[in-house]
């Protein structure tokens, strides 16, 4: 029986990680609309982020807050993307009863999303 040979070009096993291990984010808001900019730490991960951090996944992640629509704007020269999320701030800064009506900390919710690398 022949022993398995080491093959350095063989694909490594895939693993799931939280997005915060690959990227950082910054959030802002206006009324009921949240803006989250996401940037890869390493430009080599940008294609993976584009493939996996989709409008549909982001909408599902924010659905519990009432999000109704997500638009993604790729920023390839910056290895980033910008998400605009509608109806997510539960009344906005002046109307929400929650502690973070501004939505500034919601970038951390996006960074909790799991991606496969």
Protein backbone atom coordinates (compact mmCIF):
# COMPACT_ATOMS: atom_id res chain seq x y z
CA UNK A 1 0.00 0.00 0.00
CA UNK A 2 1.37 3.39 -0.97
CA UNK A 3 1.55 6.25 1.55
CA UNK A 4 -0.28 9.50 0.81
CA UNK A 5 2.07 12.05 -0.68
CA UNK A 6 2.25 15.64 0.45
CA UNK A 7 0.77 17.86 -2.24
CA UNK A 8 1.38 21.57 -1.54
CA UNK A 9 -1.03 22.61 -4.31
CA UNK A 10 -3.93 20.60 -2.89
CA UNK A 11 -6.85 22.71 -1.75
CA UNK A 12 -6.87 23.38 1.96
CA UNK A 13 -10.03 22.61 3.89
CA UNK A 14 -12.59 25.40 4.02
CA UNK A 15 -13.38 27.01 7.34
CA UNK A 16 -15.99 29.48 8.59
CA UNK A 17 -14.88 32.68 10.29
CA UNK A 18 -16.63 35.81 11.46
CA UNK A 19 -16.35 38.66 9.00
CA UNK A 20 -14.48 40.78 11.56
CA UNK A 21 -11.44 38.55 11.04
CA UNK A 22 -11.25 39.64 7.39
CA UNK A 23 -12.64 43.17 7.38
CA UNK A 24 -13.50 46.29 9.33
CA UNK A 25 -16.58 48.48 9.02
CA UNK A 26 -17.92 51.94 9.73
CA UNK A 27 -21.58 52.86 10.05
CA UNK A 28 -23.59 56.06 9.73
CA UNK A 29 -27.27 56.86 9.57
CA UNK A 30 -29.89 59.29 8.37
CA UNK A 31 -33.48 58.84 9.47
CA UNK A 32 -34.48 55.22 8.92
CA UNK A 33 -31.54 54.46 6.61
CA UNK A 34 -28.27 52.89 7.73
CA UNK A 35 -25.05 53.11 5.75
CA UNK A 36 -22.35 50.50 6.49
CA UNK A 37 -19.01 50.59 4.70
CA UNK A 38 -17.03 47.34 4.79
CA UNK A 39 -13.32 47.12 3.90
CA UNK A 40 -11.13 44.01 3.63
CA UNK A 41 -7.96 44.11 5.71
CA UNK A 42 -6.23 42.29 2.85
CA UNK A 43 -7.22 43.04 -0.76
CA UNK A 44 -6.76 39.32 -1.51
CA UNK A 45 -9.98 38.66 0.45
CA UNK A 46 -12.06 41.16 -1.52
CA UNK A 47 -13.34 38.63 -4.08
CA UNK A 48 -14.44 36.31 -1.26
CA UNK A 49 -16.29 39.16 0.43
CA UNK A 50 -17.99 40.15 -2.83
CA UNK A 51 -19.11 36.58 -3.36
CA UNK A 52 -20.41 35.97 0.16
CA UNK A 53 -21.48 39.29 1.67
CA UNK A 54 -24.50 39.77 -0.57
CA UNK A 55 -27.49 42.04 -0.36
CA UNK A 56 -29.65 39.01 0.44
CA UNK A 57 -27.46 37.85 3.34
CA UNK A 58 -27.23 41.35 4.80
CA UNK A 59 -31.01 41.80 4.55
CA UNK A 60 -31.53 38.49 6.36
CA UNK A 61 -29.04 39.53 9.06
CA UNK A 62 -30.92 42.79 9.73
CA UNK A 63 -34.45 41.40 9.23
CA UNK A 64 -35.13 41.24 12.97
CA UNK A 65 -34.77 45.04 13.05
CA UNK A 66 -37.34 45.52 10.28
CA UNK A 67 -34.94 46.10 7.37
CA UNK A 68 -36.88 46.24 4.11
CA UNK A 69 -34.17 46.68 1.48
CA UNK A 70 -30.39 46.48 1.07
CA UNK A 71 -28.33 47.91 -1.76
CA UNK A 72 -24.65 47.08 -2.13
CA UNK A 73 -22.17 49.36 -3.87
CA UNK A 74 -18.81 47.68 -4.60
CA UNK A 75 -15.67 49.79 -4.15
CA UNK A 76 -13.04 47.63 -5.88
CA UNK A 77 -10.21 50.17 -5.75
CA UNK A 78 -10.60 50.28 -1.96
CA UNK A 79 -11.23 46.53 -1.49
CA UNK A 80 -14.53 47.50 0.06
CA UNK A 81 -18.24 47.85 -0.39
CA UNK A 82 -20.95 50.12 0.93
CA UNK A 83 -24.34 48.86 2.07
CA UNK A 84 -27.41 51.07 2.33
CA UNK A 85 -30.06 49.43 4.51
CA UNK A 86 -33.59 50.85 4.62
CA UNK A 87 -36.03 50.83 7.55
CA UNK A 88 -33.54 49.35 10.00
CA UNK A 89 -33.30 52.03 12.69
CA UNK A 90 -36.70 51.43 14.28
CA UNK A 91 -37.77 55.04 14.11
CA UNK A 92 -34.40 56.74 13.73
CA UNK A 93 -32.56 58.85 16.24
CA UNK A 94 -35.58 60.93 17.28
CA UNK A 95 -38.24 58.23 17.15
CA UNK A 96 -36.62 55.05 18.45
CA UNK A 97 -36.95 53.91 22.03
CA UNK A 98 -33.87 51.70 21.79
CA UNK A 99 -30.50 52.78 23.18
CA UNK A 100 -28.80 53.12 19.80
CA UNK A 101 -31.19 55.05 17.61
CA UNK A 102 -28.21 56.34 15.65
CA UNK A 103 -27.17 52.91 14.40
CA UNK A 104 -23.45 53.62 14.84
CA UNK A 105 -22.80 50.26 16.49
CA UNK A 106 -24.69 48.23 13.87
CA UNK A 107 -21.47 47.73 11.92
CA UNK A 108 -20.65 45.10 14.56
CA UNK A 109 -23.77 43.16 13.61
CA UNK A 110 -22.52 43.00 10.02
CA UNK A 111 -19.05 41.96 11.22
CA UNK A 112 -20.61 38.99 13.03
CA UNK A 113 -21.67 37.46 9.71
CA UNK A 114 -19.91 34.16 8.99
CA UNK A 115 -17.99 33.69 5.75
CA UNK A 116 -16.16 30.66 4.41
CA UNK A 117 -12.49 30.90 3.51
